[in-house]
Amino acid sequence: MRKWWIRLTLIFTMLLVFFVVLFYRRDYSSAYVQSLYLSEQSHLIDLSINSLEGEPLSIETHYMDFGDPAQPVILLLHGAFSSSHTFIP
Protein backbone atom coordinates (compact mmCIF):
# COMPACT_ATOMS: atom_id res chain seq x y z
CA MET A 1 0.00 0.00 0.00
CA ARG A 2 2.86 2.38 0.78
CA LYS A 3 4.43 1.88 -2.66
CA TRP A 4 1.12 2.85 -4.25
CA TRP A 5 1.08 6.19 -2.39
CA ILE A 6 4.70 6.87 -3.27
CA ARG A 7 3.99 6.23 -6.97
CA LEU A 8 0.85 8.35 -6.89
CA THR A 9 2.72 11.19 -5.19
CA LEU A 10 5.55 10.94 -7.72
CA ILE A 11 3.13 11.00 -10.66
CA PHE A 12 1.23 13.96 -9.20
CA THR A 13 4.48 15.87 -8.58
CA MET A 14 5.70 15.20 -12.12
CA LEU A 15 2.38 16.39 -13.59
CA LEU A 16 2.43 19.50 -11.43
CA VAL A 17 5.98 20.38 -12.52
CA PHE A 18 5.06 19.71 -16.16
CA PHE A 19 2.05 22.06 -16.05
CA VAL A 20 3.92 24.79 -14.19
CA VAL A 21 6.72 24.70 -16.76
CA LEU A 22 4.25 24.57 -19.66
CA PHE A 23 1.91 27.36 -18.56
CA TYR A 24 4.17 29.75 -16.61
CA ARG A 25 4.08 33.29 -17.99
CA ARG A 26 6.10 36.10 -16.51
CA ASP A 27 4.77 39.64 -16.26
CA TYR A 28 5.85 42.01 -19.00
CA SER A 29 6.42 45.71 -18.53
CA SER A 30 3.86 48.16 -19.86
CA ALA A 31 6.42 49.63 -22.26
CA TYR A 32 7.15 46.19 -23.75
CA VAL A 33 3.48 45.37 -24.26
CA GLN A 34 2.84 48.78 -25.82
CA SER A 35 5.75 48.30 -28.24
CA LEU A 36 4.17 45.03 -29.38
CA TYR A 37 0.53 46.03 -29.71
CA LEU A 38 0.16 49.77 -30.23
CA SER A 39 -0.17 50.94 -33.83
CA GLU A 40 -0.72 54.24 -35.65
CA GLN A 41 -4.45 53.96 -34.92
CA SER A 42 -3.92 53.32 -31.20
CA HIS A 43 -4.76 55.84 -28.53
CA LEU A 44 -4.50 55.72 -24.74
CA ILE A 45 -6.94 57.55 -22.50
CA ASP A 46 -6.92 57.92 -18.71
CA LEU A 47 -10.26 57.08 -17.12
CA SER A 48 -11.39 57.28 -13.52
CA ILE A 49 -13.62 54.54 -12.08
CA ASN A 50 -14.70 53.66 -8.57
CA SER A 51 -13.36 50.58 -6.81
CA LEU A 52 -15.67 48.18 -5.00
CA GLU A 53 -14.95 50.18 -1.84
CA GLY A 54 -15.98 53.40 -3.60
CA GLU A 55 -12.47 54.80 -3.92
CA PRO A 56 -11.55 56.43 -7.26
CA LEU A 57 -9.11 54.46 -9.43
CA SER A 58 -7.26 55.76 -12.46
CA ILE A 59 -6.90 53.33 -15.37
CA GLU A 60 -5.28 53.69 -18.76
CA THR A 61 -7.51 52.37 -21.55
CA HIS A 62 -6.45 51.55 -25.09
CA TYR A 63 -8.69 52.19 -28.08
CA MET A 64 -8.18 52.22 -31.84
CA ASP A 65 -9.65 54.74 -34.26
CA PHE A 66 -10.03 53.76 -37.94
CA GLY A 67 -11.73 55.39 -40.90
CA ASP A 68 -13.15 58.76 -41.85
CA PRO A 69 -14.23 60.96 -38.90
CA ALA A 70 -17.06 62.40 -41.02
CA GLN A 71 -18.73 58.97 -41.33
CA PRO A 72 -21.01 57.31 -38.72
CA VAL A 73 -19.27 55.58 -35.83
CA ILE A 74 -19.30 51.83 -35.19
CA LEU A 75 -18.10 50.78 -31.75
CA LEU A 76 -16.70 47.24 -31.42
CA LEU A 77 -16.09 45.86 -27.93
CA HIS A 78 -14.15 42.67 -27.34
CA GLY A 79 -14.68 40.34 -24.41
CA ALA A 80 -12.33 39.03 -21.77
CA PHE A 81 -9.26 37.12 -22.96
CA SER A 82 -9.53 38.74 -26.37
CA SER A 83 -7.94 41.66 -28.15
CA SER A 84 -9.05 44.63 -30.24
CA HIS A 85 -6.63 43.35 -32.86
CA THR A 86 -9.14 40.60 -33.71
CA PHE A 87 -11.27 43.28 -35.43
CA ILE A 88 -8.52 44.59 -37.73
CA PRO A 89 -9.03 42.11 -40.61
PDB file of N, CA and C in Angstrom:
ATOM      1  N   MET A   1       0.825  -1.202   0.000  1.00  0.00           N
ATOM      2  CA  MET A   1       0.000   0.000   0.000  1.00  0.00           C
ATOM      3  C   MET A   1       0.867   1.263   0.000  1.00  0.00           C
ATOM      4  N   ARG A   2       1.985   1.211   0.700  1.00  0.00           N
ATOM      5  CA  ARG A   2       2.862   2.376   0.782  1.00  0.00           C
ATOM      6  C   ARG A   2       3.496   2.683  -0.583  1.00  0.00           C
ATOM      7  N   LYS A   3       3.857   1.666  -1.332  1.00  0.00           N
ATOM      8  CA  LYS A   3       4.432   1.883  -2.655  1.00  0.00           C
ATOM      9  C   LYS A   3       3.437   2.569  -3.580  1.00  0.00           C
ATOM     10  N   TRP A   4       2.174   2.238  -3.428  1.00  0.00           N
ATOM     11  CA  TRP A   4       1.118   2.850  -4.247  1.00  0.00           C
ATOM     12  C   TRP A   4       1.049   4.355  -4.000  1.00  0.00           C
ATOM     13  N   TRP A   5       1.116   4.765  -2.727  1.00  0.00           N
ATOM     14  CA  TRP A   5       1.082   6.194  -2.387  1.00  0.00           C
ATOM     15  C   TRP A   5       2.323   6.914  -2.888  1.00  0.00           C
ATOM     16  N   ILE A   6       3.456   6.262  -2.789  1.00  0.00           N
ATOM     17  CA  ILE A   6       4.699   6.872  -3.273  1.00  0.00           C
ATOM     18  C   ILE A   6       4.623   7.083  -4.781  1.00  0.00           C
ATOM     19  N   ARG A   7       4.133   6.095  -5.513  1.00  0.00           N
ATOM     20  CA  ARG A   7       3.992   6.227  -6.969  1.00  0.00           C
ATOM     21  C   ARG A   7       2.985   7.311  -7.326  1.00  0.00           C
ATOM     22  N   LEU A   8       1.874   7.331  -6.624  1.00  0.00           N
ATOM     23  CA  LEU A   8       0.850   8.347  -6.892  1.00  0.00           C
ATOM     24  C   LEU A   8       1.385   9.744  -6.615  1.00  0.00           C
ATOM     25  N   THR A   9       2.120   9.901  -5.527  1.00  0.00           N
ATOM     26  CA  THR A   9       2.720  11.193  -5.194  1.00  0.00           C
ATOM     27  C   THR A   9       3.752  11.602  -6.241  1.00  0.00           C
ATOM     28  N   LEU A  10       4.546  10.659  -6.699  1.00  0.00           N
ATOM     29  CA  LEU A  10       5.547  10.940  -7.716  1.00  0.00           C
ATOM     30  C   LEU A  10       4.886  11.356  -9.033  1.00  0.00           C
ATOM     31  N   ILE A  11       3.847  10.657  -9.429  1.00  0.00           N
ATOM     32  CA  ILE A  11       3.131  11.004 -10.665  1.00  0.00           C
ATOM     33  C   ILE A  11       2.493  12.379 -10.541  1.00  0.00           C
ATOM     34  N   PHE A  12       1.858  12.657  -9.422  1.00  0.00           N
ATOM     35  CA  PHE A  12       1.233  13.962  -9.205  1.00  0.00           C
ATOM     36  C   PHE A  12       2.276  15.076  -9.235  1.00  0.00           C
ATOM     37  N   THR A  13       3.419  14.862  -8.602  1.00  0.00           N
ATOM     38  CA  THR A  13       4.480  15.869  -8.585  1.00  0.00           C
ATOM     39  C   THR A  13       5.021  16.112  -9.991  1.00  0.00           C
ATOM     40  N   MET A  14       5.215  15.055 -10.754  1.00  0.00           N
ATOM     41  CA  MET A  14       5.703  15.203 -12.116  1.00  0.00           C
ATOM     42  C   MET A  14       4.696  15.962 -12.977  1.00  0.00           C
ATOM     43  N   LEU A  15       3.410  15.664 -12.841  1.00  0.00           N
ATOM     44  CA  LEU A  15       2.382  16.388 -13.593  1.00  0.00           C
ATOM     45  C   LEU A  15       2.323  17.853 -13.192  1.00  0.00           C
ATOM     46  N   LEU A  16       2.449  18.124 -11.908  1.00  0.00           N
ATOM     47  CA  LEU A  16       2.432  19.502 -11.428  1.00  0.00           C
ATOM     48  C   LEU A  16       3.610  20.291 -11.996  1.00  0.00           C
ATOM     49  N   VAL A  17       4.797  19.714 -11.959  1.00  0.00           N
ATOM     50  CA  VAL A  17       5.978  20.379 -12.515  1.00  0.00           C
ATOM     51  C   VAL A  17       5.805  20.596 -14.009  1.00  0.00           C
ATOM     52  N   PHE A  18       5.279  19.602 -14.719  1.00  0.00           N
ATOM     53  CA  PHE A  18       5.056  19.713 -16.156  1.00  0.00           C
ATOM     54  C   PHE A  18       4.120  20.882 -16.476  1.00  0.00           C
ATOM     55  N   PHE A  19       2.999  20.987 -15.761  1.00  0.00           N
ATOM     56  CA  PHE A  19       2.046  22.058 -16.049  1.00  0.00           C
ATOM     57  C   PHE A  19       2.571  23.429 -15.649  1.00  0.00           C
ATOM     58  N   VAL A  20       3.332  23.512 -14.580  1.00  0.00           N
ATOM     59  CA  VAL A  20       3.922  24.793 -14.185  1.00  0.00           C
ATOM     60  C   VAL A  20       4.914  25.256 -15.246  1.00  0.00           C
ATOM     61  N   VAL A  21       5.752  24.347 -15.724  1.00  0.00           N
ATOM     62  CA  VAL A  21       6.724  24.703 -16.761  1.00  0.00           C
ATOM     63  C   VAL A  21       6.025  25.067 -18.058  1.00  0.00           C
ATOM     64  N   LEU A  22       4.960  24.345 -18.398  1.00  0.00           N
ATOM     65  CA  LEU A  22       4.254  24.568 -19.656  1.00  0.00           C
ATOM     66  C   LEU A  22       3.474  25.885 -19.668  1.00  0.00           C
ATOM     67  N   PHE A  23       2.821  26.217 -18.565  1.00  0.00           N
ATOM     68  CA  PHE A  23       1.908  27.359 -18.556  1.00  0.00           C
ATOM     69  C   PHE A  23       2.424  28.587 -17.831  1.00  0.00           C
ATOM     70  N   TYR A  24       3.633  28.589 -17.319  1.00  0.00           N
ATOM     71  CA  TYR A  24       4.165  29.754 -16.609  1.00  0.00           C
ATOM     72  C   TYR A  24       4.377  30.913 -17.586  1.00  0.00           C
ATOM     73  N   ARG A  25       3.881  32.069 -17.217  1.00  0.00           N
ATOM     74  CA  ARG A  25       4.082  33.294 -17.995  1.00  0.00           C
ATOM     75  C   ARG A  25       4.529  34.397 -17.037  1.00  0.00           C
ATOM     76  N   ARG A  26       5.645  35.014 -17.369  1.00  0.00           N
ATOM     77  CA  ARG A  26       6.104  36.102 -16.510  1.00  0.00           C
ATOM     78  C   ARG A  26       5.381  37.391 -16.891  1.00  0.00           C
ATOM     79  N   ASP A  27       5.369  38.339 -15.990  1.00  0.00           N
ATOM     80  CA  ASP A  27       4.766  39.638 -16.257  1.00  0.00           C
ATOM     81  C   ASP A  27       5.681  40.457 -17.155  1.00  0.00           C
ATOM     82  N   TYR A  28       5.091  41.133 -18.120  1.00  0.00           N
ATOM     83  CA  TYR A  28       5.845  42.009 -19.005  1.00  0.00           C
ATOM     84  C   TYR A  28       5.611  43.458 -18.594  1.00  0.00           C
ATOM     85  N   SER A  29       6.572  44.303 -18.862  1.00  0.00           N
ATOM     86  CA  SER A  29       6.425  45.714 -18.532  1.00  0.00           C
ATOM     87  C   SER A  29       5.410  46.352 -19.482  1.00  0.00           C
ATOM     88  N   SER A  30       4.834  47.432 -19.039  1.00  0.00           N
ATOM     89  CA  SER A  30       3.861  48.160 -19.857  1.00  0.00           C
ATOM     90  C   SER A  30       4.500  48.666 -21.146  1.00  0.00           C
ATOM     91  N   ALA A  31       5.726  49.120 -21.068  1.00  0.00           N
ATOM     92  CA  ALA A  31       6.421  49.626 -22.262  1.00  0.00           C
ATOM     93  C   ALA A  31       6.626  48.520 -23.295  1.00  0.00           C
ATOM     94  N   TYR A  32       6.962  47.310 -22.831  1.00  0.00           N
ATOM     95  CA  TYR A  32       7.155  46.190 -23.751  1.00  0.00           C
ATOM     96  C   TYR A  32       5.846  45.808 -24.447  1.00  0.00           C
ATOM     97  N   VAL A  33       4.781  45.736 -23.685  1.00  0.00           N
ATOM     98  CA  VAL A  33       3.476  45.373 -24.263  1.00  0.00           C
ATOM     99  C   VAL A  33       3.027  46.444 -25.251  1.00  0.00           C
ATOM    100  N   GLN A  34       3.224  47.706 -24.916  1.00  0.00           N
ATOM    101  CA  GLN A  34       2.840  48.782 -25.824  1.00  0.00           C
ATOM    102  C   GLN A  34       3.659  48.740 -27.105  1.00  0.00           C
ATOM    103  N   SER A  35       4.941  48.393 -27.018  1.00  0.00           N
ATOM    104  CA  SER A  35       5.753  48.303 -28.236  1.00  0.00           C
ATOM    105  C   SER A  35       5.274  47.179 -29.143  1.00  0.00           C
ATOM    106  N   LEU A  36       4.678  46.141 -28.572  1.00  0.00           N
ATOM    107  CA  LEU A  36       4.169  45.034 -29.377  1.00  0.00           C
ATOM    108  C   LEU A  36       2.822  45.335 -30.028  1.00  0.00           C
ATOM    109  N   TYR A  37       1.920  45.976 -29.290  1.00  0.00           N
ATOM    110  CA  TYR A  37       0.528  46.028 -29.711  1.00  0.00           C
ATOM    111  C   TYR A  37       0.007  47.385 -30.157  1.00  0.00           C
ATOM    112  N   LEU A  38       0.669  48.474 -29.818  1.00  0.00           N
ATOM    113  CA  LEU A  38       0.159  49.771 -30.234  1.00  0.00           C
ATOM    114  C   LEU A  38       0.532  50.049 -31.686  1.00  0.00           C
ATOM    115  N   SER A  39      -0.404  50.630 -32.419  1.00  0.00           N
ATOM    116  CA  SER A  39      -0.168  50.945 -33.830  1.00  0.00           C
ATOM    117  C   SER A  39      -0.455  52.428 -34.058  1.00  0.00           C
ATOM    118  N   GLU A  40      -0.440  52.838 -35.325  1.00  0.00           N
ATOM    119  CA  GLU A  40      -0.725  54.243 -35.653  1.00  0.00           C
ATOM    120  C   GLU A  40      -2.143  54.636 -35.243  1.00  0.00           C
ATOM    121  N   GLN A  41      -3.053  53.684 -35.256  1.00  0.00           N
ATOM    122  CA  GLN A  41      -4.448  53.964 -34.921  1.00  0.00           C
ATOM    123  C   GLN A  41      -4.715  53.892 -33.415  1.00  0.00           C
ATOM    124  N   SER A  42      -3.739  53.500 -32.640  1.00  0.00           N
ATOM    125  CA  SER A  42      -3.916  53.316 -31.200  1.00  0.00           C
ATOM    126  C   SER A  42      -3.887  54.637 -30.456  1.00  0.00           C
ATOM    127  N   HIS A  43      -4.707  54.687 -29.427  1.00  0.00           N
ATOM    128  CA  HIS A  43      -4.758  55.841 -28.527  1.00  0.00           C
ATOM    129  C   HIS A  43      -4.907  55.325 -27.106  1.00  0.00           C
ATOM    130  N   LEU A  44      -4.351  56.052 -26.152  1.00  0.00           N
ATOM    131  CA  LEU A  44      -4.495  55.725 -24.738  1.00  0.00           C
ATOM    132  C   LEU A  44      -5.222  56.872 -24.059  1.00  0.00           C
ATOM    133  N   ILE A  45      -6.182  56.535 -23.213  1.00  0.00           N
ATOM    134  CA  ILE A  45      -6.944  57.554 -22.504  1.00  0.00           C
ATOM    135  C   ILE A  45      -6.990  57.168 -21.030  1.00  0.00           C
ATOM    136  N   ASP A  46      -6.831  58.154 -20.159  1.00  0.00           N
ATOM    137  CA  ASP A  46      -6.921  57.923 -18.715  1.00  0.00           C
ATOM    138  C   ASP A  46      -8.372  58.081 -18.280  1.00  0.00           C
ATOM    139  N   LEU A  47      -8.895  57.054 -17.620  1.00  0.00           N
ATOM    140  CA  LEU A  47     -10.261  57.076 -17.115  1.00  0.00           C
ATOM    141  C   LEU A  47     -10.242  56.924 -15.609  1.00  0.00           C
ATOM    142  N   SER A  48     -11.264  57.429 -14.957  1.00  0.00           N
ATOM    143  CA  SER A  48     -11.395  57.278 -13.521  1.00  0.00           C
ATOM    144  C   SER A  48     -12.647  56.460 -13.241  1.00  0.00           C
ATOM    145  N   ILE A  49     -12.486  55.371 -12.479  1.00  0.00           N
ATOM    146  CA  ILE A  49     -13.618  54.537 -12.084  1.00  0.00           C
ATOM    147  C   ILE A  49     -13.571  54.376 -10.576  1.00  0.00           C
ATOM    148  N   ASN A  50     -14.657  53.904 -10.008  1.00  0.00           N
ATOM    149  CA  ASN A  50     -14.704  53.663  -8.569  1.00  0.00           C
ATOM    150  C   ASN A  50     -14.416  52.196  -8.281  1.00  0.00           C
ATOM    151  N   SER A  51     -13.633  51.945  -7.239  1.00  0.00           N
ATOM    152  CA  SER A  51     -13.363  50.579  -6.807  1.00  0.00           C
ATOM    153  C   SER A  51     -14.597  50.030  -6.104  1.00  0.00           C
ATOM    154  N   LEU A  52     -14.545  48.770  -5.720  1.00  0.00           N
ATOM    155  CA  LEU A  52     -15.672  48.180  -4.995  1.00  0.00           C
ATOM    156  C   LEU A  52     -15.894  48.851  -3.647  1.00  0.00           C
ATOM    157  N   GLU A  53     -14.833  49.452  -3.108  1.00  0.00           N
ATOM    158  CA  GLU A  53     -14.945  50.178  -1.838  1.00  0.00           C
ATOM    159  C   GLU A  53     -15.379  51.626  -2.043  1.00  0.00           C
ATOM    160  N   GLY A  54     -15.555  52.043  -3.296  1.00  0.00           N
ATOM    161  CA  GLY A  54     -15.980  53.397  -3.600  1.00  0.00           C
ATOM    162  C   GLY A  54     -14.851  54.384  -3.788  1.00  0.00           C
ATOM    163  N   GLU A  55     -13.616  53.915  -3.746  1.00  0.00           N
ATOM    164  CA  GLU A  55     -12.474  54.800  -3.924  1.00  0.00           C
ATOM    165  C   GLU A  55     -12.190  54.989  -5.408  1.00  0.00           C
ATOM    166  N   PRO A  56     -11.835  56.208  -5.835  1.00  0.00           N
ATOM    167  CA  PRO A  56     -11.551  56.428  -7.259  1.00  0.00           C
ATOM    168  C   PRO A  56     -10.246  55.753  -7.683  1.00  0.00           C
ATOM    169  N   LEU A  57     -10.290  55.110  -8.840  1.00  0.00           N
ATOM    170  CA  LEU A  57      -9.115  54.463  -9.429  1.00  0.00           C
ATOM    171  C   LEU A  57      -8.862  55.056 -10.803  1.00  0.00           C
ATOM    172  N   SER A  58      -7.613  55.259 -11.141  1.00  0.00           N
ATOM    173  CA  SER A  58      -7.257  55.764 -12.458  1.00  0.00           C
ATOM    174  C   SER A  58      -6.746  54.596 -13.293  1.00  0.00           C
ATOM    175  N   ILE A  59      -7.343  54.408 -14.481  1.00  0.00           N
ATOM    176  CA  ILE A  59      -6.899  53.331 -15.369  1.00  0.00           C
ATOM    177  C   ILE A  59      -6.594  53.911 -16.744  1.00  0.00           C
ATOM    178  N   GLU A  60      -5.641  53.293 -17.409  1.00  0.00           N
ATOM    179  CA  GLU A  60      -5.278  53.695 -18.763  1.00  0.00           C
ATOM    180  C   GLU A  60      -5.939  52.708 -19.724  1.00  0.00           C
ATOM    181  N   THR A  61      -6.753  53.213 -20.628  1.00  0.00           N
ATOM    182  CA  THR A  61      -7.509  52.375 -21.551  1.00  0.00           C
ATOM    183  C   THR A  61      -7.032  52.608 -22.976  1.00  0.00           C
ATOM    184  N   HIS A  62      -6.901  51.510 -23.702  1.00  0.00           N
ATOM    185  CA  HIS A  62      -6.447  51.548 -25.093  1.00  0.00           C
ATOM    186  C   HIS A  62      -7.659  51.469 -26.012  1.00  0.00           C
ATOM    187  N   TYR A  63      -7.683  52.308 -27.031  1.00  0.00           N
ATOM    188  CA  TYR A  63      -8.689  52.190 -28.082  1.00  0.00           C
ATOM    189  C   TYR A  63      -8.048  52.487 -29.425  1.00  0.00           C
ATOM    190  N   MET A  64      -8.694  52.026 -30.483  1.00  0.00           N
ATOM    191  CA  MET A  64      -8.176  52.221 -31.841  1.00  0.00           C
ATOM    192  C   MET A  64      -9.224  52.969 -32.652  1.00  0.00           C
ATOM    193  N   ASP A  65      -8.765  53.897 -33.467  1.00  0.00           N
ATOM    194  CA  ASP A  65      -9.652  54.738 -34.259  1.00  0.00           C
ATOM    195  C   ASP A  65      -9.297  54.565 -35.734  1.00  0.00           C
ATOM    196  N   PHE A  66     -10.226  53.995 -36.510  1.00  0.00           N
ATOM    197  CA  PHE A  66     -10.026  53.764 -37.938  1.00  0.00           C
ATOM    198  C   PHE A  66     -11.052  54.560 -38.735  1.00  0.00           C
ATOM    199  N   GLY A  67     -10.744  54.859 -39.964  1.00  0.00           N
ATOM    200  CA  GLY A  67     -11.727  55.394 -40.897  1.00  0.00           C
ATOM    201  C   GLY A  67     -11.823  56.907 -40.936  1.00  0.00           C
ATOM    202  N   ASP A  68     -12.880  57.344 -41.614  1.00  0.00           N
ATOM    203  CA  ASP A  68     -13.147  58.759 -41.851  1.00  0.00           C
ATOM    204  C   ASP A  68     -13.964  59.326 -40.690  1.00  0.00           C
ATOM    205  N   PRO A  69     -13.485  60.388 -40.029  1.00  0.00           N
ATOM    206  CA  PRO A  69     -14.230  60.963 -38.905  1.00  0.00           C
ATOM    207  C   PRO A  69     -15.591  61.541 -39.295  1.00  0.00           C
ATOM    208  N   ALA A  70     -15.789  61.832 -40.583  1.00  0.00           N
ATOM    209  CA  ALA A  70     -17.061  62.401 -41.023  1.00  0.00           C
ATOM    210  C   ALA A  70     -18.151  61.335 -41.174  1.00  0.00           C
ATOM    211  N   GLN A  71     -17.771  60.065 -41.164  1.00  0.00           N
ATOM    212  CA  GLN A  71     -18.727  58.970 -41.329  1.00  0.00           C
ATOM    213  C   GLN A  71     -19.303  58.551 -39.974  1.00  0.00           C
ATOM    214  N   PRO A  72     -20.436  57.811 -39.983  1.00  0.00           N
ATOM    215  CA  PRO A  72     -21.007  57.314 -38.721  1.00  0.00           C
ATOM    216  C   PRO A  72     -20.024  56.397 -37.982  1.00  0.00           C
ATOM    217  N   VAL A  73     -20.173  56.327 -36.683  1.00  0.00           N
ATOM    218  CA  VAL A  73     -19.266  55.576 -35.827  1.00  0.00           C
ATOM    219  C   VAL A  73     -19.841  54.187 -35.546  1.00  0.00           C
ATOM    220  N   ILE A  74     -18.969  53.186 -35.622  1.00  0.00           N
ATOM    221  CA  ILE A  74     -19.303  51.827 -35.190  1.00  0.00           C
ATOM    222  C   ILE A  74     -18.350  51.495 -34.051  1.00  0.00           C
ATOM    223  N   LEU A  75     -18.900  51.105 -32.919  1.00  0.00           N
ATOM    224  CA  LEU A  75     -18.098  50.781 -31.749  1.00  0.00           C
ATOM    225  C   LEU A  75     -18.066  49.265 -31.588  1.00  0.00           C
ATOM    226  N   LEU A  76     -16.863  48.681 -31.593  1.00  0.00           N
ATOM    227  CA  LEU A  76     -16.695  47.241 -31.424  1.00  0.00           C
ATOM    228  C   LEU A  76     -16.014  46.995 -30.082  1.00  0.00           C
ATOM    229  N   LEU A  77     -16.640  46.194 -29.236  1.00  0.00           N
ATOM    230  CA  LEU A  77     -16.087  45.862 -27.926  1.00  0.00           C
ATOM    231  C   LEU A  77     -15.733  44.385 -27.899  1.00  0.00           C
ATOM    232  N   HIS A  78     -14.526  44.078 -27.459  1.00  0.00           N
ATOM    233  CA  HIS A  78     -14.148  42.669 -27.335  1.00  0.00           C
ATOM    234  C   HIS A  78     -14.379  42.212 -25.908  1.00  0.00           C
ATOM    235  N   GLY A  79     -14.464  40.913 -25.727  1.00  0.00           N
ATOM    236  CA  GLY A  79     -14.684  40.341 -24.408  1.00  0.00           C
ATOM    237  C   GLY A  79     -13.381  40.054 -23.691  1.00  0.00           C
ATOM    238  N   ALA A  80     -13.503  39.406 -22.548  1.00  0.00           N
ATOM    239  CA  ALA A  80     -12.329  39.027 -21.767  1.00  0.00           C
ATOM    240  C   ALA A  80     -11.501  38.010 -22.534  1.00  0.00           C
ATOM    241  N   PHE A  81     -10.219  38.029 -22.320  1.00  0.00           N
ATOM    242  CA  PHE A  81      -9.261  37.122 -22.956  1.00  0.00           C
ATOM    243  C   PHE A  81      -9.286  37.261 -24.469  1.00  0.00           C
ATOM    244  N   SER A  82      -9.523  38.455 -24.941  1.00  0.00           N
ATOM    245  CA  SER A  82      -9.532  38.740 -26.374  1.00  0.00           C
ATOM    246  C   SER A  82      -8.742  40.019 -26.590  1.00  0.00           C
ATOM    247  N   SER A  83      -8.718  40.486 -27.827  1.00  0.00           N
ATOM    248  CA  SER A  83      -7.937  41.658 -28.152  1.00  0.00           C
ATOM    249  C   SER A  83      -8.672  42.474 -29.221  1.00  0.00           C
ATOM    250  N   SER A  84      -8.466  43.784 -29.202  1.00  0.00           N
ATOM    251  CA  SER A  84      -9.051  44.627 -30.236  1.00  0.00           C
ATOM    252  C   SER A  84      -8.432  44.345 -31.593  1.00  0.00           C
ATOM    253  N   HIS A  85      -7.284  43.685 -31.591  1.00  0.00           N
ATOM    254  CA  HIS A  85      -6.628  43.348 -32.856  1.00  0.00           C
ATOM    255  C   HIS A  85      -7.393  42.285 -33.637  1.00  0.00           C
ATOM    256  N   THR A  86      -8.328  41.589 -33.000  1.00  0.00           N
ATOM    257  CA  THR A  86      -9.143  40.604 -33.714  1.00  0.00           C
ATOM    258  C   THR A  86     -10.082  41.279 -34.724  1.00  0.00           C
ATOM    259  N   PHE A  87     -10.367  42.559 -34.540  1.00  0.00           N
ATOM    260  CA  PHE A  87     -11.273  43.281 -35.433  1.00  0.00           C
ATOM    261  C   PHE A  87     -10.557  43.883 -36.647  1.00  0.00           C
ATOM    262  N   ILE A  88      -9.258  43.923 -36.664  1.00  0.00           N
ATOM    263  CA  ILE A  88      -8.521  44.591 -37.731  1.00  0.00           C
ATOM    264  C   ILE A  88      -8.787  43.966 -39.097  1.00  0.00           C
ATOM    265  N   PRO A  89      -8.759  42.653 -39.271  1.00  0.00           N
ATOM    266  CA  PRO A  89      -9.033  42.106 -40.612  1.00  0.00           C
ATOM    267  C   PRO A  89     -10.436  42.459 -41.083  1.00  0.00           C
TER     268      PRO A  89
END
